[in-house]
Full PDB file with SEQRES, HELIX, SHEET, SSBOND, CRYST1, ORIGX, SCALE, CONECT and MASTER records, all heavy atoms in Angstrom:
SEQRES   1 A   35  ARG GLU PHE GLU THR GLN PRO GLY TRP LYS VAL VAL VAL          
SEQRES   2 A   35  GLU ALA ASP PRO SER ALA PRO LEU TRP PRO GLN GLY PHE          
SEQRES   3 A   35  ASP PRO LEU ASN VAL GLN ARG LEU GLY                          
HELIX    1 AA1 GLU A    2  THR A    5  1                                   4    
HELIX    2 AA2 PRO A   28  ASN A   30  5                                   3    
CRYST1    1.000    1.000    1.000  90.00  90.00  90.00 P 1           1          
ORIGX1      1.000000  0.000000  0.000000        0.00000                         
ORIGX2      0.000000  1.000000  0.000000        0.00000                         
ORIGX3      0.000000  0.000000  1.000000        0.00000                         
SCALE1      1.000000  0.000000  0.000000        0.00000                         
SCALE2      0.000000  1.000000  0.000000        0.00000                         
SCALE3      0.000000  0.000000  1.000000        0.00000                         
ATOM      1  N   ARG A   1       0.832  -1.211   0.000  1.00  0.00           N  
ATOM      2  CA  ARG A   1       0.000   0.000   0.000  1.00  0.00           C  
ATOM      3  C   ARG A   1       0.864   1.257   0.000  1.00  0.00           C  
ATOM      4  O   ARG A   1       0.594   2.210  -0.743  1.00  0.00           O  
ATOM      5  CB  ARG A   1      -0.926   0.003   1.224  1.00  0.00           C  
ATOM      6  CG  ARG A   1      -2.085  -0.962   1.148  1.00  0.00           C  
ATOM      7  CD  ARG A   1      -3.135  -0.615   2.191  1.00  0.00           C  
ATOM      8  NE  ARG A   1      -2.594  -0.592   3.533  1.00  0.00           N  
ATOM      9  CZ  ARG A   1      -2.501  -1.652   4.341  1.00  0.00           C  
ATOM     10  NH1 ARG A   1      -2.953  -2.827   3.912  1.00  0.00           N  
ATOM     11  NH2 ARG A   1      -2.019  -1.536   5.562  1.00  0.00           N  
ATOM     12  N   GLU A   2       1.908   1.260   0.833  1.00  0.00           N  
ATOM     13  CA  GLU A   2       2.778   2.434   0.905  1.00  0.00           C  
ATOM     14  C   GLU A   2       3.476   2.676  -0.423  1.00  0.00           C  
ATOM     15  O   GLU A   2       3.637   3.824  -0.853  1.00  0.00           O  
ATOM     16  CB  GLU A   2       3.806   2.246   2.021  1.00  0.00           C  
ATOM     17  CG  GLU A   2       3.207   2.318   3.410  1.00  0.00           C  
ATOM     18  CD  GLU A   2       4.239   2.026   4.493  1.00  0.00           C  
ATOM     19  OE1 GLU A   2       5.369   1.609   4.144  1.00  0.00           O  
ATOM     20  OE2 GLU A   2       3.915   2.200   5.688  1.00  0.00           O  
ATOM     21  N   PHE A   3       3.908   1.595  -1.068  1.00  0.00           N  
ATOM     22  CA  PHE A   3       4.584   1.752  -2.354  1.00  0.00           C  
ATOM     23  C   PHE A   3       3.609   2.291  -3.404  1.00  0.00           C  
ATOM     24  O   PHE A   3       3.949   3.206  -4.161  1.00  0.00           O  
ATOM     25  CB  PHE A   3       5.162   0.412  -2.823  1.00  0.00           C  
ATOM     26  CG  PHE A   3       5.850   0.481  -4.155  1.00  0.00           C  
ATOM     27  CD1 PHE A   3       7.169   0.901  -4.247  1.00  0.00           C  
ATOM     28  CD2 PHE A   3       5.180   0.163  -5.327  1.00  0.00           C  
ATOM     29  CE1 PHE A   3       7.810   0.995  -5.475  1.00  0.00           C  
ATOM     30  CE2 PHE A   3       5.800   0.243  -6.559  1.00  0.00           C  
ATOM     31  CZ  PHE A   3       7.122   0.658  -6.635  1.00  0.00           C  
ATOM     32  N   GLU A   4       2.423   1.746  -3.451  1.00  0.00           N  
ATOM     33  CA  GLU A   4       1.463   2.126  -4.486  1.00  0.00           C  
ATOM     34  C   GLU A   4       0.906   3.528  -4.288  1.00  0.00           C  
ATOM     35  O   GLU A   4       0.474   4.169  -5.254  1.00  0.00           O  
ATOM     36  CB  GLU A   4       0.321   1.106  -4.522  1.00  0.00           C  
ATOM     37  CG  GLU A   4       0.764  -0.268  -5.023  1.00  0.00           C  
ATOM     38  CD  GLU A   4      -0.334  -1.304  -4.948  1.00  0.00           C  
ATOM     39  OE1 GLU A   4      -1.345  -1.044  -4.236  1.00  0.00           O  
ATOM     40  OE2 GLU A   4      -0.194  -2.376  -5.572  1.00  0.00           O  
ATOM     41  N   THR A   5       0.909   4.039  -3.050  1.00  0.00           N  
ATOM     42  CA  THR A   5       0.313   5.353  -2.783  1.00  0.00           C  
ATOM     43  C   THR A   5       1.345   6.453  -2.543  1.00  0.00           C  
ATOM     44  O   THR A   5       0.967   7.581  -2.231  1.00  0.00           O  
ATOM     45  CB  THR A   5      -0.604   5.263  -1.550  1.00  0.00           C  
ATOM     46  OG1 THR A   5       0.151   4.825  -0.408  1.00  0.00           O  
ATOM     47  CG2 THR A   5      -1.746   4.288  -1.802  1.00  0.00           C  
ATOM     48  N   GLN A   6       2.622   6.161  -2.702  1.00  0.00           N  
ATOM     49  CA  GLN A   6       3.634   7.184  -2.465  1.00  0.00           C  
ATOM     50  C   GLN A   6       3.516   8.310  -3.489  1.00  0.00           C  
ATOM     51  O   GLN A   6       3.160   8.081  -4.650  1.00  0.00           O  
ATOM     52  CB  GLN A   6       5.034   6.571  -2.495  1.00  0.00           C  
ATOM     53  CG  GLN A   6       5.445   6.009  -3.841  1.00  0.00           C  
ATOM     54  CD  GLN A   6       6.799   5.333  -3.813  1.00  0.00           C  
ATOM     55  OE1 GLN A   6       7.744   5.882  -3.250  1.00  0.00           O  
ATOM     56  NE2 GLN A   6       6.904   4.158  -4.406  1.00  0.00           N  
ATOM     57  N   PRO A   7       3.804   9.542  -3.086  1.00  0.00           N  
ATOM     58  CA  PRO A   7       3.716  10.666  -4.024  1.00  0.00           C  
ATOM     59  C   PRO A   7       4.871  10.658  -5.020  1.00  0.00           C  
ATOM     60  O   PRO A   7       5.887   9.981  -4.810  1.00  0.00           O  
ATOM     61  CB  PRO A   7       3.791  11.885  -3.097  1.00  0.00           C  
ATOM     62  CG  PRO A   7       4.581  11.410  -1.910  1.00  0.00           C  
ATOM     63  CD  PRO A   7       4.185   9.970  -1.723  1.00  0.00           C  
ATOM     64  N   GLY A   8       4.709  11.417  -6.086  1.00  0.00           N  
ATOM     65  CA  GLY A   8       5.771  11.559  -7.070  1.00  0.00           C  
ATOM     66  C   GLY A   8       5.463  10.849  -8.367  1.00  0.00           C  
ATOM     67  O   GLY A   8       4.390  10.248  -8.550  1.00  0.00           O  
ATOM     68  N   TRP A   9       6.423  10.905  -9.267  1.00  0.00           N  
ATOM     69  CA  TRP A   9       6.287  10.277 -10.575  1.00  0.00           C  
ATOM     70  C   TRP A   9       6.593   8.782 -10.484  1.00  0.00           C  
ATOM     71  O   TRP A   9       7.373   8.346  -9.644  1.00  0.00           O  
ATOM     72  CB  TRP A   9       7.231  10.933 -11.573  1.00  0.00           C  
ATOM     73  CG  TRP A   9       6.712  12.249 -12.078  1.00  0.00           C  
ATOM     74  CD1 TRP A   9       6.786  13.461 -11.456  1.00  0.00           C  
ATOM     75  CD2 TRP A   9       6.022  12.468 -13.305  1.00  0.00           C  
ATOM     76  NE1 TRP A   9       6.196  14.427 -12.212  1.00  0.00           N  
ATOM     77  CE2 TRP A   9       5.715  13.859 -13.372  1.00  0.00           C  
ATOM     78  CE3 TRP A   9       5.639  11.653 -14.372  1.00  0.00           C  
ATOM     79  CZ2 TRP A   9       5.043  14.427 -14.443  1.00  0.00           C  
ATOM     80  CZ3 TRP A   9       4.971  12.228 -15.440  1.00  0.00           C  
ATOM     81  CH2 TRP A   9       4.670  13.588 -15.469  1.00  0.00           C  
ATOM     82  N   LYS A  10       5.953   8.050 -11.394  1.00  0.00           N  
ATOM     83  CA  LYS A  10       6.188   6.608 -11.497  1.00  0.00           C  
ATOM     84  C   LYS A  10       6.707   6.257 -12.881  1.00  0.00           C  
ATOM     85  O   LYS A  10       6.392   6.930 -13.860  1.00  0.00           O  
ATOM     86  CB  LYS A  10       4.900   5.814 -11.239  1.00  0.00           C  
ATOM     87  CG  LYS A  10       4.405   5.843  -9.814  1.00  0.00           C  
ATOM     88  CD  LYS A  10       3.177   4.943  -9.675  1.00  0.00           C  
ATOM     89  CE  LYS A  10       2.684   4.930  -8.235  1.00  0.00           C  
ATOM     90  NZ  LYS A  10       1.487   4.053  -8.073  1.00  0.00           N  
ATOM     91  N   VAL A  11       7.485   5.178 -12.929  1.00  0.00           N  
ATOM     92  CA  VAL A  11       7.910   4.588 -14.200  1.00  0.00           C  
ATOM     93  C   VAL A  11       7.451   3.137 -14.196  1.00  0.00           C  
ATOM     94  O   VAL A  11       7.705   2.405 -13.231  1.00  0.00           O  
ATOM     95  CB  VAL A  11       9.441   4.662 -14.383  1.00  0.00           C  
ATOM     96  CG1 VAL A  11       9.863   3.884 -15.632  1.00  0.00           C  
ATOM     97  CG2 VAL A  11       9.906   6.103 -14.468  1.00  0.00           C  
ATOM     98  N   VAL A  12       6.755   2.748 -15.248  1.00  0.00           N  
ATOM     99  CA  VAL A  12       6.297   1.370 -15.392  1.00  0.00           C  
ATOM    100  C   VAL A  12       6.897   0.799 -16.674  1.00  0.00           C  
ATOM    101  O   VAL A  12       6.830   1.444 -17.724  1.00  0.00           O  
ATOM    102  CB  VAL A  12       4.764   1.274 -15.448  1.00  0.00           C  
ATOM    103  CG1 VAL A  12       4.313  -0.174 -15.648  1.00  0.00           C  
ATOM    104  CG2 VAL A  12       4.144   1.858 -14.181  1.00  0.00           C  
ATOM    105  N   VAL A  13       7.499  -0.372 -16.571  1.00  0.00           N  
ATOM    106  CA  VAL A  13       8.003  -1.068 -17.753  1.00  0.00           C  
ATOM    107  C   VAL A  13       7.209  -2.361 -17.885  1.00  0.00           C  
ATOM    108  O   VAL A  13       7.241  -3.211 -16.982  1.00  0.00           O  
ATOM    109  CB  VAL A  13       9.507  -1.377 -17.643  1.00  0.00           C  
ATOM    110  CG1 VAL A  13       9.986  -2.101 -18.905  1.00  0.00           C  
ATOM    111  CG2 VAL A  13      10.305  -0.095 -17.435  1.00  0.00           C  
ATOM    112  N   GLU A  14       6.483  -2.502 -18.986  1.00  0.00           N  
ATOM    113  CA  GLU A  14       5.678  -3.692 -19.243  1.00  0.00           C  
ATOM    114  C   GLU A  14       6.309  -4.485 -20.383  1.00  0.00           C  
ATOM    115  O   GLU A  14       6.518  -3.957 -21.474  1.00  0.00           O  
ATOM    116  CB  GLU A  14       4.243  -3.317 -19.609  1.00  0.00           C  
ATOM    117  CG  GLU A  14       3.446  -2.743 -18.446  1.00  0.00           C  
ATOM    118  CD  GLU A  14       1.987  -2.548 -18.821  1.00  0.00           C  
ATOM    119  OE1 GLU A  14       1.612  -2.865 -19.979  1.00  0.00           O  
ATOM    120  OE2 GLU A  14       1.221  -2.076 -17.959  1.00  0.00           O  
ATOM    121  N   ALA A  15       6.622  -5.744 -20.111  1.00  0.00           N  
ATOM    122  CA  ALA A  15       7.237  -6.597 -21.118  1.00  0.00           C  
ATOM    123  C   ALA A  15       6.174  -7.356 -21.888  1.00  0.00           C  
ATOM    124  O   ALA A  15       5.099  -7.673 -21.356  1.00  0.00           O  
ATOM    125  CB  ALA A  15       8.205  -7.574 -20.457  1.00  0.00           C  
ATOM    126  N   ASP A  16       6.477  -7.666 -23.136  1.00  0.00           N  
ATOM    127  CA  ASP A  16       5.599  -8.525 -23.918  1.00  0.00           C  
ATOM    128  C   ASP A  16       5.605  -9.925 -23.300  1.00  0.00           C  
ATOM    129  O   ASP A  16       6.671 -10.399 -22.859  1.00  0.00           O  
ATOM    130  CB  ASP A  16       6.086  -8.588 -25.361  1.00  0.00           C  
ATOM    131  CG  ASP A  16       5.111  -9.321 -26.271  1.00  0.00           C  
ATOM    132  OD1 ASP A  16       5.208 -10.563 -26.360  1.00  0.00           O  
ATOM    133  OD2 ASP A  16       4.264  -8.649 -26.872  1.00  0.00           O  
ATOM    134  N   PRO A  17       4.449 -10.608 -23.222  1.00  0.00           N  
ATOM    135  CA  PRO A  17       4.418 -11.944 -22.611  1.00  0.00           C  
ATOM    136  C   PRO A  17       5.414 -12.936 -23.213  1.00  0.00           C  
ATOM    137  O   PRO A  17       5.880 -13.845 -22.525  1.00  0.00           O  
ATOM    138  CB  PRO A  17       2.975 -12.398 -22.846  1.00  0.00           C  
ATOM    139  CG  PRO A  17       2.194 -11.135 -22.947  1.00  0.00           C  
ATOM    140  CD  PRO A  17       3.111 -10.157 -23.627  1.00  0.00           C  
ATOM    141  N   SER A  18       5.744 -12.738 -24.503  1.00  0.00           N  
ATOM    142  CA  SER A  18       6.672 -13.665 -25.147  1.00  0.00           C  
ATOM    143  C   SER A  18       8.140 -13.334 -24.871  1.00  0.00           C  
ATOM    144  O   SER A  18       9.024 -14.117 -25.215  1.00  0.00           O  
ATOM    145  CB  SER A  18       6.446 -13.658 -26.659  1.00  0.00           C  
ATOM    146  OG  SER A  18       6.742 -12.383 -27.209  1.00  0.00           O  
ATOM    147  N   ALA A  19       8.398 -12.175 -24.239  1.00  0.00           N  
ATOM    148  CA  ALA A  19       9.785 -11.761 -23.973  1.00  0.00           C  
ATOM    149  C   ALA A  19       9.864 -11.045 -22.632  1.00  0.00           C  
ATOM    150  O   ALA A  19      10.006  -9.822 -22.577  1.00  0.00           O  
ATOM    151  CB  ALA A  19      10.305 -10.870 -25.096  1.00  0.00           C  
ATOM    152  N   PRO A  20       9.737 -11.770 -21.517  1.00  0.00           N  
ATOM    153  CA  PRO A  20       9.802 -11.120 -20.205  1.00  0.00           C  
ATOM    154  C   PRO A  20      11.177 -10.531 -19.934  1.00  0.00           C  
ATOM    155  O   PRO A  20      12.165 -10.865 -20.602  1.00  0.00           O  
ATOM    156  CB  PRO A  20       9.497 -12.267 -19.235  1.00  0.00           C  
ATOM    157  CG  PRO A  20       9.908 -13.500 -19.969  1.00  0.00           C  
ATOM    158  CD  PRO A  20       9.610 -13.223 -21.418  1.00  0.00           C  
ATOM    159  N   LEU A  21      11.235  -9.669 -18.955  1.00  0.00           N  
ATOM    160  CA  LEU A  21      12.510  -9.137 -18.474  1.00  0.00           C  
ATOM    161  C   LEU A  21      13.145 -10.157 -17.538  1.00  0.00           C  
ATOM    162  O   LEU A  21      12.459 -10.882 -16.827  1.00  0.00           O  
ATOM    163  CB  LEU A  21      12.282  -7.825 -17.729  1.00  0.00           C  
ATOM    164  CG  LEU A  21      11.755  -6.656 -18.576  1.00  0.00           C  
ATOM    165  CD1 LEU A  21      11.191  -5.576 -17.671  1.00  0.00           C  
ATOM    166  CD2 LEU A  21      12.866  -6.100 -19.455  1.00  0.00           C  
ATOM    167  N   TRP A  22      14.475 -10.179 -17.546  1.00  0.00           N  
ATOM    168  CA  TRP A  22      15.199 -11.135 -16.712  1.00  0.00           C  
ATOM    169  C   TRP A  22      16.113 -10.395 -15.736  1.00  0.00           C  
ATOM    170  O   TRP A  22      16.705  -9.363 -16.087  1.00  0.00           O  
ATOM    171  CB  TRP A  22      16.030 -12.083 -17.580  1.00  0.00           C  
ATOM    172  CG  TRP A  22      15.178 -12.904 -18.482  1.00  0.00           C  
ATOM    173  CD1 TRP A  22      14.854 -12.636 -19.772  1.00  0.00           C  
ATOM    174  CD2 TRP A  22      14.478 -14.110 -18.141  1.00  0.00           C  
ATOM    175  NE1 TRP A  22      14.022 -13.603 -20.279  1.00  0.00           N  
ATOM    176  CE2 TRP A  22      13.766 -14.525 -19.299  1.00  0.00           C  
ATOM    177  CE3 TRP A  22      14.403 -14.887 -16.987  1.00  0.00           C  
ATOM    178  CZ2 TRP A  22      12.987 -15.675 -19.311  1.00  0.00           C  
ATOM    179  CZ3 TRP A  22      13.630 -16.032 -17.000  1.00  0.00           C  
ATOM    180  CH2 TRP A  22      12.928 -16.414 -18.161  1.00  0.00           C  
ATOM    181  N   PRO A  23      16.217 -10.884 -14.497  1.00  0.00           N  
ATOM    182  CA  PRO A  23      17.110 -10.227 -13.533  1.00  0.00           C  
ATOM    183  C   PRO A  23      18.569 -10.335 -13.961  1.00  0.00           C  
ATOM    184  O   PRO A  23      19.072 -11.439 -14.172  1.00  0.00           O  
ATOM    185  CB  PRO A  23      16.838 -10.981 -12.226  1.00  0.00           C  
ATOM    186  CG  PRO A  23      16.270 -12.291 -12.641  1.00  0.00           C  
ATOM    187  CD  PRO A  23      15.543 -12.056 -13.919  1.00  0.00           C  
ATOM    188  N   GLN A  24      19.219  -9.195 -14.105  1.00  0.00           N  
ATOM    189  CA  GLN A  24      20.642  -9.156 -14.448  1.00  0.00           C  
ATOM    190  C   GLN A  24      21.485  -8.690 -13.264  1.00  0.00           C  
ATOM    191  O   GLN A  24      22.709  -8.697 -13.327  1.00  0.00           O  
ATOM    192  CB  GLN A  24      20.855  -8.234 -15.655  1.00  0.00           C  
ATOM    193  CG  GLN A  24      20.162  -8.726 -16.913  1.00  0.00           C  
ATOM    194  CD  GLN A  24      20.376  -7.802 -18.107  1.00  0.00           C  
ATOM    195  OE1 GLN A  24      20.962  -6.716 -17.990  1.00  0.00           O  
ATOM    196  NE2 GLN A  24      19.892  -8.210 -19.263  1.00  0.00           N  
ATOM    197  N   GLY A  25      20.825  -8.287 -12.199  1.00  0.00           N  
ATOM    198  CA  GLY A  25      21.508  -7.872 -10.986  1.00  0.00           C  
ATOM    199  C   GLY A  25      20.495  -7.391  -9.967  1.00  0.00           C  
ATOM    200  O   GLY A  25      19.545  -6.704 -10.320  1.00  0.00           O  
ATOM    201  N   PHE A  26      20.661  -7.807  -8.706  1.00  0.00           N  
ATOM    202  CA  PHE A  26      19.833  -7.298  -7.623  1.00  0.00           C  
ATOM    203  C   PHE A  26      20.565  -7.548  -6.316  1.00  0.00           C  
ATOM    204  O   PHE A  26      21.498  -8.346  -6.248  1.00  0.00           O  
ATOM    205  CB  PHE A  26      18.439  -7.946  -7.606  1.00  0.00           C  
ATOM    206  CG  PHE A  26      18.429  -9.406  -7.274  1.00  0.00           C  
ATOM    207  CD1 PHE A  26      18.251  -9.847  -5.966  1.00  0.00           C  
ATOM    208  CD2 PHE A  26      18.592 -10.370  -8.270  1.00  0.00           C  
ATOM    209  CE1 PHE A  26      18.237 -11.196  -5.649  1.00  0.00           C  
ATOM    210  CE2 PHE A  26      18.579 -11.726  -7.971  1.00  0.00           C  
ATOM    211  CZ  PHE A  26      18.404 -12.139  -6.656  1.00  0.00           C  
ATOM    212  N   ASP A  27      20.155  -6.841  -5.272  1.00  0.00           N  
ATOM    213  CA  ASP A  27      20.792  -6.958  -3.972  1.00  0.00           C  
ATOM    214  C   ASP A  27      19.943  -7.874  -3.096  1.00  0.00           C  
ATOM    215  O   ASP A  27      18.889  -7.476  -2.616  1.00  0.00           O  
ATOM    216  CB  ASP A  27      20.915  -5.579  -3.323  1.00  0.00           C  
ATOM    217  CG  ASP A  27      21.679  -5.617  -2.006  1.00  0.00           C  
ATOM    218  OD1 ASP A  27      21.964  -6.727  -1.521  1.00  0.00           O  
ATOM    219  OD2 ASP A  27      21.992  -4.543  -1.463  1.00  0.00           O  
ATOM    220  N   PRO A  28      20.374  -9.139  -2.866  1.00  0.00           N  
ATOM    221  CA  PRO A  28      19.535 -10.080  -2.113  1.00  0.00           C  
ATOM    222  C   PRO A  28      19.324  -9.687  -0.659  1.00  0.00           C  
ATOM    223  O   PRO A  28      18.410 -10.193  -0.005  1.00  0.00           O  
ATOM    224  CB  PRO A  28      20.296 -11.407  -2.233  1.00  0.00           C  
ATOM    225  CG  PRO A  28      21.706 -11.015  -2.517  1.00  0.00           C  
ATOM    226  CD  PRO A  28      21.632  -9.757  -3.314  1.00  0.00           C  
ATOM    227  N   LEU A  29      20.160  -8.782  -0.139  1.00  0.00           N  
ATOM    228  CA  LEU A  29      19.979  -8.327   1.233  1.00  0.00           C  
ATOM    229  C   LEU A  29      18.898  -7.260   1.347  1.00  0.00           C  
ATOM    230  O   LEU A  29      18.468  -6.927   2.459  1.00  0.00           O  
ATOM    231  CB  LEU A  29      21.295  -7.759   1.777  1.00  0.00           C  
ATOM    232  CG  LEU A  29      22.389  -8.770   2.109  1.00  0.00           C  
ATOM    233  CD1 LEU A  29      23.622  -8.041   2.608  1.00  0.00           C  
ATOM    234  CD2 LEU A  29      21.914  -9.760   3.146  1.00  0.00           C  
ATOM    235  N   ASN A  30      18.462  -6.724   0.234  1.00  0.00           N  
ATOM    236  CA  ASN A  30      17.499  -5.623   0.253  1.00  0.00           C  
ATOM    237  C   ASN A  30      16.332  -5.903  -0.682  1.00  0.00           C  
ATOM    238  O   ASN A  30      16.017  -5.103  -1.573  1.00  0.00           O  
ATOM    239  CB  ASN A  30      18.195  -4.305  -0.129  1.00  0.00           C  
ATOM    240  CG  ASN A  30      19.144  -3.827   0.947  1.00  0.00           C  
ATOM    241  OD1 ASN A  30      18.735  -3.243   1.946  1.00  0.00           O  
ATOM    242  ND2 ASN A  30      20.423  -4.104   0.765  1.00  0.00           N  
ATOM    243  N   VAL A  31      15.716  -7.052  -0.489  1.00  0.00           N  
ATOM    244  CA  VAL A  31      14.494  -7.408  -1.210  1.00  0.00           C  
ATOM    245  C   VAL A  31      13.468  -7.883  -0.201  1.00  0.00           C  
ATOM    246  O   VAL A  31      13.808  -8.355   0.884  1.00  0.00           O  
ATOM    247  CB  VAL A  31      14.727  -8.500  -2.273  1.00  0.00           C  
ATOM    248  CG1 VAL A  31      15.670  -8.015  -3.356  1.00  0.00           C  
ATOM    249  CG2 VAL A  31      15.258  -9.776  -1.636  1.00  0.00           C  
ATOM    250  N   GLN A  32      12.210  -7.726  -0.559  1.00  0.00           N  
ATOM    251  CA  GLN A  32      11.112  -8.165   0.299  1.00  0.00           C  
ATOM    252  C   GLN A  32      10.035  -8.791  -0.566  1.00  0.00           C  
ATOM    253  O   GLN A  32       9.485  -8.126  -1.452  1.00  0.00           O  
ATOM    254  CB  GLN A  32      10.522  -6.967   1.064  1.00  0.00           C  
ATOM    255  CG  GLN A  32       9.289  -7.282   1.884  1.00  0.00           C  
ATOM    256  CD  GLN A  32       9.579  -8.163   3.081  1.00  0.00           C  
ATOM    257  OE1 GLN A  32      10.408  -7.808   3.915  1.00  0.00           O  
ATOM    258  NE2 GLN A  32       8.941  -9.305   3.175  1.00  0.00           N  
ATOM    259  N   ARG A  33       9.771 -10.065  -0.359  1.00  0.00           N  
ATOM    260  CA  ARG A  33       8.705 -10.715  -1.114  1.00  0.00           C  
ATOM    261  C   ARG A  33       7.365 -10.246  -0.568  1.00  0.00           C  
ATOM    262  O   ARG A  33       7.092 -10.360   0.629  1.00  0.00           O  
ATOM    263  CB  ARG A  33       8.827 -12.236  -0.974  1.00  0.00           C  
ATOM    264  CG  ARG A  33       8.095 -13.002  -2.058  1.00  0.00           C  
ATOM    265  CD  ARG A  33       8.347 -14.482  -1.934  1.00  0.00           C  
ATOM    266  NE  ARG A  33       7.581 -15.075  -0.835  1.00  0.00           N  
ATOM    267  CZ  ARG A  33       7.942 -16.167  -0.178  1.00  0.00           C  
ATOM    268  NH1 ARG A  33       9.070 -16.766  -0.475  1.00  0.00           N  
ATOM    269  NH2 ARG A  33       7.190 -16.657   0.784  1.00  0.00           N  
ATOM    270  N   LEU A  34       6.511  -9.712  -1.438  1.00  0.00           N  
ATOM    271  CA  LEU A  34       5.215  -9.194  -1.011  1.00  0.00           C  
ATOM    272  C   LEU A  34       4.072 -10.130  -1.366  1.00  0.00           C  
ATOM    273  O   LEU A  34       2.932  -9.884  -0.979  1.00  0.00           O  
ATOM    274  CB  LEU A  34       4.957  -7.816  -1.635  1.00  0.00           C  
ATOM    275  CG  LEU A  34       5.971  -6.718  -1.297  1.00  0.00           C  
ATOM    276  CD1 LEU A  34       5.488  -5.383  -1.822  1.00  0.00           C  
ATOM    277  CD2 LEU A  34       6.227  -6.650   0.199  1.00  0.00           C  
ATOM    278  N   GLY A  35       4.359 -11.164  -2.117  1.00  0.00           N  
ATOM    279  CA  GLY A  35       3.332 -12.113  -2.508  1.00  0.00           C  
ATOM    280  C   GLY A  35       3.956 -13.207  -3.345  1.00  0.00           C  
ATOM    281  O   GLY A  35       5.175 -13.261  -3.531  1.00  0.00           O  
TER     282      GLY A  35                                                      
MASTER        0    0    0    2    0    0    0    6  281    1    0    3          
END                                                                             
């Protein structure tokens, strides 16, 4: 809820179902599974 209602501009990237985006780097210490 906090993420979805935060003020400011948003950027959304939507991939085509036949070509999803793949993780090329992320910080495993700073992730939170929400569902």
